Amino acid sequence: MHFLMLIPHGRDQNNESDPTRPVVLAMHGLISSSADFITQGPNVSLGYILAESGYDVWLANARGNYYSRANLYLDPDDRRNQDFWRFSWDEIGNIDIPTIVDYILELTGHSKLHYIGHSQGCTSFFVLNSLRPEYNEKFISFQGLAPAAFFVYNEVPFNKVISPYEAVTQLASEKLGFSEILGNRAAFTWFATRYCKEGDIFHDLCVYLLMDGDIDYFNTTLSPVFLGHMPAGSSIRQVNHYAQCVNIKEFRRYDHHRPILNIETYDRPVAPLYNLSQVTAPVYLHYSFGDVTTDYRDVLHLAERLPNVAGMHLIQRSTFSHRDYLWATDAKVQVYNKLIQLMREAEANAK
């Protein structure tokens, strides 16, 4: 299992080891993995573009996904003991991300790094710096791609239908011994390699399942590759934590639905809100009108609650969607070039 992936230098440019190059940590979204940042290959995927641009690139995997299931004491496949899966993105942000950051900084000898998050990767960043504000000083910049935190304006029908039942689904999943969601990547890979290639019987279905935007900007020939890596699994509690935020229209810590457990965890019977005024690292938010998963109005709502928003980048293509940040053929033009420009500006400001 590989908790972290490393691209230490570029292939065509900046292709020699250099310990002084800036460090960047990228964190994927829900039910995804570090593969999101490399699946389209060199010159197209963000991980490779960052390396070619002179960055020391670290790609993280969230607890519980396909690459991050190892544990010294708990078995994620043990249906009788679900302790491994009793975590949400609160633990990822409060425990795992700071551990990763400290490890990278110690290994590289740097005092700061850039953090790039997509969707849940952004959520975890906000969790970390609201609960452990001393970590703000360790970031040159935060680049939020489709930053998920608030769902005040979200109009996705699935969210509205399922979210009210999050307490029931959480209890049922634990009782039945199924606290993981979409974690059988082997099955998806088997299906993708046999039925999702161009000309295969289910190719159009595979494209439909993967694509959430404009097909003109989606490389359909890569459908087997995408589906072979995503979904990569997560805990059901991660999904239900988002459902709680949908229900109350706030960015709040996980509610255990039992006052005694909330008191044990938070010293209060009701789960507290995250204090976003503590997030003082330079924040750059990238958002789009075509993203229905992270509604642009919710990004603006988030920006109003952050004390150090250094930049807001509205994607120019109106149909740019949630997965387009990773898989669109024009992502470099729409997002990555601007993202790297903003990172350079943040580096200059940090000197």
Protein backbone atom coordinates (compact mmCIF):
# COMPACT_ATOMS: atom_id res chain seq x y z
CA MET A 1 0.00 0.00 0.00
CA HIS A 2 1.28 3.47 -0.85
CA PHE A 3 0.08 6.30 1.38
CA LEU A 4 2.18 8.77 -0.63
CA MET A 5 3.34 8.94 -4.23
CA LEU A 6 6.30 11.10 -5.26
CA ILE A 7 7.24 12.78 -8.55
CA PRO A 8 10.61 14.30 -7.59
CA HIS A 9 11.32 16.05 -10.90
CA GLY A 10 10.17 16.47 -14.47
CA ARG A 11 10.88 14.30 -17.49
CA ASP A 12 11.52 16.90 -20.19
CA GLN A 13 12.14 20.00 -18.06
CA ASN A 14 13.52 20.45 -14.55
CA ASN A 15 14.58 16.82 -14.79
CA GLU A 16 17.46 16.79 -12.34
CA SER A 17 17.26 16.39 -8.58
CA ASP A 18 17.23 19.72 -6.78
CA PRO A 19 16.59 19.84 -3.01
CA THR A 20 15.75 23.55 -3.22
CA ARG A 21 12.75 23.16 -5.53
CA PRO A 22 9.40 24.12 -3.92
CA VAL A 23 7.34 21.30 -2.45
CA VAL A 24 3.67 20.70 -3.29
CA LEU A 25 1.26 18.24 -1.67
CA ALA A 26 -1.88 17.29 -3.62
CA MET A 27 -4.91 15.63 -2.02
CA HIS A 28 -7.72 13.98 -3.96
CA GLY A 29 -11.48 14.01 -3.46
CA LEU A 30 -14.07 11.58 -2.10
CA ILE A 31 -13.85 7.90 -3.24
CA SER A 32 -10.76 8.83 -5.26
CA SER A 33 -7.00 8.46 -4.98
CA SER A 34 -3.63 9.95 -5.90
CA ALA A 35 -4.10 8.38 -9.34
CA ASP A 36 -6.46 11.26 -10.18
CA PHE A 37 -3.45 13.51 -10.65
CA ILE A 38 -1.60 11.27 -13.13
CA THR A 39 -4.11 9.15 -15.12
CA GLN A 40 -4.03 11.33 -18.25
CA GLY A 41 -0.27 11.02 -18.47
CA PRO A 42 2.61 13.49 -19.01
CA ASN A 43 1.90 17.00 -20.29
CA VAL A 44 -1.80 16.64 -19.42
CA SER A 45 -2.19 15.49 -15.80
CA LEU A 46 -1.60 17.96 -12.99
CA GLY A 47 1.01 15.89 -11.16
CA TYR A 48 3.30 15.70 -14.17
CA ILE A 49 2.73 19.34 -15.15
CA LEU A 50 3.77 20.45 -11.66
CA ALA A 51 6.94 18.34 -11.86
CA GLU A 52 7.79 19.76 -15.29
CA SER A 53 7.27 23.24 -13.81
CA GLY A 54 9.99 22.65 -11.21
CA TYR A 55 8.06 21.34 -8.20
CA ASP A 56 8.78 18.45 -5.87
CA VAL A 57 5.37 16.74 -6.12
CA TRP A 58 3.81 14.60 -3.40
CA LEU A 59 0.45 12.89 -4.02
CA ALA A 60 -1.39 11.71 -0.92
CA ASN A 61 -3.99 9.01 -0.42
CA ALA A 62 -6.76 9.46 2.11
CA ARG A 63 -7.26 6.91 4.83
CA GLY A 64 -9.35 3.96 3.67
CA ASN A 65 -8.94 4.21 -0.10
CA TYR A 66 -7.44 1.41 -2.19
CA TYR A 67 -3.85 2.54 -1.55
CA SER A 68 -4.31 3.37 2.12
CA ARG A 69 -5.82 0.42 3.96
CA ALA A 70 -2.84 -0.88 5.95
CA ASN A 71 -3.16 -0.82 9.74
CA LEU A 72 -1.05 -2.38 12.48
CA TYR A 73 -4.01 -3.49 14.56
CA LEU A 74 -7.25 -3.28 12.55
CA ASP A 75 -8.41 -5.26 9.52
CA PRO A 76 -10.49 -3.19 7.07
CA ASP A 77 -11.99 -6.42 5.70
CA ASP A 78 -13.22 -7.66 9.09
CA ARG A 79 -17.01 -7.29 8.96
CA ARG A 80 -17.40 -8.16 12.64
CA ASN A 81 -15.15 -5.34 13.80
CA GLN A 82 -15.78 -2.04 12.01
CA ASP A 83 -13.38 0.06 14.08
CA PHE A 84 -11.10 0.71 11.10
CA TRP A 85 -13.94 2.50 9.29
CA ARG A 86 -15.04 4.78 12.14
CA PHE A 87 -13.58 7.90 10.61
CA SER A 88 -14.67 10.74 8.36
CA TRP A 89 -12.76 13.56 6.70
CA ASP A 90 -12.54 15.09 10.19
CA GLU A 91 -9.90 12.51 11.16
CA ILE A 92 -8.24 12.81 7.76
CA GLY A 93 -7.84 16.56 8.28
CA ASN A 94 -7.13 16.57 12.00
CA ILE A 95 -4.80 13.55 12.19
CA ASP A 96 -3.62 12.30 8.80
CA ILE A 97 -2.87 15.50 6.87
CA PRO A 98 -0.67 17.05 9.60
CA THR A 99 1.23 13.77 9.85
CA ILE A 100 1.82 13.81 6.09
CA VAL A 101 2.84 17.48 6.09
CA ASP A 102 5.33 16.99 8.93
CA TYR A 103 6.80 13.91 7.26
CA ILE A 104 7.33 15.71 3.95
CA LEU A 105 8.82 18.82 5.52
CA GLU A 106 11.19 16.78 7.66
CA LEU A 107 12.30 14.66 4.72
CA THR A 108 12.81 17.57 2.32
CA GLY A 109 14.23 20.03 4.84
CA HIS A 110 11.71 22.70 3.83
CA SER A 111 9.73 24.76 6.32
CA LYS A 112 6.67 25.29 4.08
CA LEU A 113 4.87 23.71 1.15
CA HIS A 114 1.99 24.32 -1.24
CA TYR A 115 -1.20 22.34 -0.74
CA ILE A 116 -3.53 21.54 -3.64
CA GLY A 117 -6.86 19.96 -2.82
CA HIS A 118 -9.69 18.75 -5.00
CA SER A 119 -13.14 18.66 -3.40
CA GLN A 120 -12.71 16.59 -0.19
CA GLY A 121 -9.00 17.36 -0.35
CA CYS A 122 -10.04 20.96 0.31
CA THR A 123 -12.42 19.93 3.09
CA SER A 124 -9.57 18.23 4.93
CA PHE A 125 -7.40 21.34 4.63
CA PHE A 126 -10.09 23.49 6.25
CA VAL A 127 -10.51 20.91 9.01
CA LEU A 128 -6.78 20.88 9.73
CA ASN A 129 -6.26 24.61 9.93
CA SER A 130 -9.45 25.37 11.85
CA LEU A 131 -8.67 22.73 14.50
CA ARG A 132 -4.88 23.09 14.51
CA PRO A 133 -4.21 26.68 13.45
CA GLU A 134 -0.48 26.39 14.13
CA TYR A 135 -0.26 24.54 10.81
CA ASN A 136 -1.21 27.64 8.82
CA GLU A 137 2.43 28.70 9.01
CA LYS A 138 3.49 25.57 7.14
CA PHE A 139 1.71 26.46 3.89
CA ILE A 140 2.98 28.78 1.18
CA SER A 141 -0.46 28.63 -0.37
CA PHE A 142 -3.63 26.60 -0.47
CA GLN A 143 -5.01 26.00 -3.94
CA GLY A 144 -8.60 24.79 -3.67
CA LEU A 145 -10.05 23.10 -6.74
CA ALA A 146 -13.84 22.89 -6.34
CA PRO A 147 -13.53 23.46 -2.57
CA ALA A 148 -16.21 21.47 -0.72
CA ALA A 149 -17.33 22.83 2.65
CA PHE A 150 -20.81 24.37 2.43
CA PHE A 151 -23.91 23.02 0.69
CA VAL A 152 -26.29 25.91 1.23
CA TYR A 153 -27.10 26.29 -2.46
CA ASN A 154 -26.44 22.74 -3.65
CA GLU A 155 -29.32 21.47 -5.78
CA VAL A 156 -28.19 17.93 -6.62
CA PRO A 157 -31.35 15.78 -6.25
CA PHE A 158 -29.41 12.80 -4.87
CA ASN A 159 -28.15 14.90 -1.95
CA LYS A 160 -31.62 16.11 -1.08
CA VAL A 161 -33.12 12.62 -1.21
CA ILE A 162 -30.41 10.68 0.63
CA SER A 163 -29.04 13.18 3.16
CA PRO A 164 -32.03 13.14 5.56
CA TYR A 165 -31.38 9.44 6.16
CA GLU A 166 -27.67 9.66 6.97
CA ALA A 167 -28.13 8.54 10.61
CA VAL A 168 -30.06 5.46 9.49
CA THR A 169 -27.55 4.52 6.80
CA GLN A 170 -24.64 4.93 9.21
CA LEU A 171 -26.23 2.72 11.85
CA ALA A 172 -27.32 0.11 9.32
CA SER A 173 -23.90 -0.06 7.68
CA GLU A 174 -22.17 -0.66 10.99
CA LYS A 175 -24.68 -3.27 12.12
CA LEU A 176 -24.42 -5.14 8.83
CA GLY A 177 -20.63 -4.88 8.70
CA PHE A 178 -20.46 -2.77 5.54
CA SER A 179 -18.86 0.54 6.54
CA GLU A 180 -16.88 0.92 3.31
CA ILE A 181 -18.35 2.26 0.08
CA LEU A 182 -17.18 1.46 -3.47
CA GLY A 183 -13.96 -0.08 -2.25
CA ASN A 184 -13.76 -3.15 -4.50
CA ARG A 185 -11.45 -1.64 -7.09
CA ALA A 186 -10.53 -5.04 -8.48
CA ALA A 187 -14.11 -5.49 -9.69
CA PHE A 188 -14.17 -2.08 -11.36
CA THR A 189 -10.79 -2.72 -12.99
CA TRP A 190 -11.94 -6.12 -14.26
CA PHE A 191 -15.08 -4.58 -15.76
CA ALA A 192 -13.24 -1.58 -17.22
CA THR A 193 -10.54 -3.58 -18.98
CA ARG A 194 -13.04 -5.96 -20.55
CA TYR A 195 -16.02 -3.81 -21.40
CA CYS A 196 -15.06 -0.11 -21.44
CA LYS A 197 -12.58 0.16 -24.30
CA GLU A 198 -13.53 1.89 -27.55
CA GLY A 199 -15.90 -0.43 -29.43
CA ASP A 200 -16.76 -2.55 -26.38
CA ILE A 201 -20.40 -3.25 -25.64
CA PHE A 202 -20.54 -1.07 -22.50
CA HIS A 203 -18.20 1.70 -23.64
CA ASP A 204 -20.95 4.33 -23.83
CA LEU A 205 -22.22 3.32 -20.39
CA CYS A 206 -18.70 3.66 -18.94
CA VAL A 207 -18.37 7.14 -20.42
CA TYR A 208 -21.78 8.08 -18.99
CA LEU A 209 -20.79 6.87 -15.50
CA LEU A 210 -17.51 8.77 -15.54
CA MET A 211 -18.39 12.02 -17.25
CA ASP A 212 -20.24 14.84 -15.49
CA GLY A 213 -19.61 17.62 -18.01
CA ASP A 214 -19.09 18.34 -21.70
CA ILE A 215 -18.10 15.26 -23.72
CA ASP A 216 -16.15 17.47 -26.15
CA TYR A 217 -13.53 17.87 -23.41
CA PHE A 218 -13.44 14.25 -22.24
CA ASN A 219 -10.99 11.70 -23.66
CA THR A 220 -13.31 8.70 -24.05
CA THR A 221 -10.44 6.38 -24.98
CA LEU A 222 -9.15 6.71 -21.40
CA SER A 223 -12.41 5.45 -19.86
CA PRO A 224 -10.88 2.07 -18.88
CA VAL A 225 -7.99 3.88 -17.19
CA PHE A 226 -10.26 6.24 -15.26
CA LEU A 227 -12.67 3.50 -14.20
CA GLY A 228 -9.75 1.28 -13.27
CA HIS A 229 -8.69 3.82 -10.64
CA MET A 230 -11.94 5.50 -9.60
CA PRO A 231 -13.86 4.77 -7.45
CA ALA A 232 -11.10 3.90 -5.01
CA GLY A 233 -13.30 3.59 -1.93
CA SER A 234 -13.97 5.49 1.28
CA SER A 235 -15.78 5.06 4.56
CA ILE A 236 -19.54 5.51 4.58
CA ARG A 237 -19.00 7.95 7.45
CA GLN A 238 -17.17 10.31 5.06
CA VAL A 239 -20.25 10.42 2.84
CA ASN A 240 -22.59 10.79 5.81
CA HIS A 241 -20.53 13.62 7.24
CA TYR A 242 -21.17 15.55 4.03
CA ALA A 243 -24.85 14.59 4.31
CA GLN A 244 -24.95 16.19 7.77
CA CYS A 245 -23.53 19.40 6.30
CA VAL A 246 -26.19 19.28 3.57
CA ASN A 247 -28.92 18.86 6.18
CA ILE A 248 -27.91 21.73 8.47
CA LYS A 249 -26.34 23.97 5.79
CA GLU A 250 -23.26 24.46 7.97
CA PHE A 251 -19.66 23.24 8.04
CA ARG A 252 -19.69 21.19 11.22
CA ARG A 253 -17.77 18.37 12.88
CA TYR A 254 -19.21 14.88 12.71
CA ASP A 255 -22.37 14.43 14.77
CA HIS A 256 -22.47 11.04 16.50
CA HIS A 257 -26.21 11.46 17.12
CA ARG A 258 -25.70 10.51 20.75
CA PRO A 259 -24.99 13.35 23.19
CA ILE A 260 -22.76 11.17 25.33
CA LEU A 261 -20.49 10.37 22.36
CA ASN A 262 -20.39 14.01 21.33
CA ILE A 263 -19.43 14.95 24.89
CA GLU A 264 -16.66 12.33 24.89
CA THR A 265 -15.36 13.65 21.56
CA TYR A 266 -16.01 17.41 21.75
CA ASP A 267 -16.77 18.11 25.44
CA ARG A 268 -20.28 19.19 24.43
CA PRO A 269 -23.52 17.38 23.55
CA VAL A 270 -23.77 18.95 20.08
CA ALA A 271 -21.05 18.72 17.44
CA PRO A 272 -19.40 22.16 17.01
CA LEU A 273 -18.96 24.16 13.83
CA TYR A 274 -15.49 24.45 12.32
CA ASN A 275 -14.03 27.86 13.07
CA LEU A 276 -12.94 29.02 9.63
CA SER A 277 -11.60 32.30 11.01
CA GLN A 278 -8.62 30.21 12.13
CA VAL A 279 -7.68 29.38 8.52
CA THR A 280 -5.12 32.13 7.95
CA ALA A 281 -2.90 30.51 5.30
CA PRO A 282 -3.10 32.23 1.87
CA VAL A 283 -6.16 30.73 0.18
CA TYR A 284 -6.79 30.59 -3.57
CA LEU A 285 -10.16 29.23 -4.65
CA HIS A 286 -10.80 27.84 -8.14
CA TYR A 287 -14.46 27.40 -9.07
CA SER A 288 -16.78 27.11 -12.05
CA PHE A 289 -20.38 27.70 -13.06
CA GLY A 290 -20.66 24.20 -14.53
CA ASP A 291 -19.83 22.38 -11.29
CA VAL A 292 -23.07 21.19 -9.67
CA THR A 293 -21.30 19.14 -6.99
CA THR A 294 -19.56 22.20 -5.51
CA ASP A 295 -21.95 24.99 -6.46
CA TYR A 296 -20.21 28.27 -7.26
CA ARG A 297 -22.53 30.07 -4.83
CA ASP A 298 -21.32 27.81 -2.03
CA VAL A 299 -17.72 28.66 -2.95
CA LEU A 300 -18.56 32.36 -2.67
CA HIS A 301 -20.33 31.62 0.64
CA LEU A 302 -17.14 29.90 1.83
CA ALA A 303 -14.92 32.77 0.68
CA GLU A 304 -16.89 35.23 2.79
CA ARG A 305 -15.99 33.21 5.89
CA LEU A 306 -12.27 32.86 5.27
CA PRO A 307 -9.98 35.62 6.59
CA ASN A 308 -7.15 35.38 4.03
CA VAL A 309 -8.54 34.76 0.54
CA ALA A 310 -5.63 35.78 -1.67
CA GLY A 311 -7.31 34.95 -4.97
CA MET A 312 -10.53 33.78 -6.63
CA HIS A 313 -10.23 32.06 -10.01
CA LEU A 314 -13.45 31.57 -11.98
CA ILE A 315 -12.96 28.98 -14.73
CA GLN A 316 -13.76 30.55 -18.10
CA ARG A 317 -15.50 27.58 -19.73
CA SER A 318 -19.08 27.67 -18.47
CA THR A 319 -19.52 23.88 -18.78
CA PHE A 320 -16.42 23.06 -16.72
CA SER A 321 -17.53 20.39 -14.23
CA HIS A 322 -16.41 18.82 -10.96
CA ARG A 323 -14.32 16.04 -12.53
CA ASP A 324 -13.03 18.31 -15.26
CA TYR A 325 -10.47 19.65 -12.78
CA LEU A 326 -8.77 16.25 -13.15
CA TRP A 327 -9.90 14.72 -16.44
CA ALA A 328 -10.78 17.50 -18.89
CA THR A 329 -8.57 17.70 -21.95
CA ASP A 330 -8.45 21.49 -21.51
CA ALA A 331 -7.74 21.47 -17.76
CA LYS A 332 -4.23 22.81 -18.33
CA VAL A 333 -5.57 25.85 -20.17
CA GLN A 334 -8.58 26.36 -17.93
CA VAL A 335 -6.95 25.72 -14.53
CA TYR A 336 -3.38 24.49 -14.27
CA ASN A 337 -1.60 27.39 -15.96
CA LYS A 338 -3.37 29.86 -13.68
CA LEU A 339 -2.82 27.66 -10.65
CA ILE A 340 0.95 27.58 -11.20
CA GLN A 341 0.97 31.34 -11.78
CA LEU A 342 -0.76 31.86 -8.43
CA MET A 343 1.67 29.49 -6.73
CA ARG A 344 4.59 31.52 -8.07
CA GLU A 345 2.97 34.71 -6.78
CA ALA A 346 2.48 33.13 -3.34
CA GLU A 347 6.15 32.09 -3.28
CA ALA A 348 7.19 35.65 -4.05
CA ASN A 349 4.91 36.98 -1.32
CA ALA A 350 6.31 34.49 1.19
CA LYS A 351 9.90 35.70 0.78
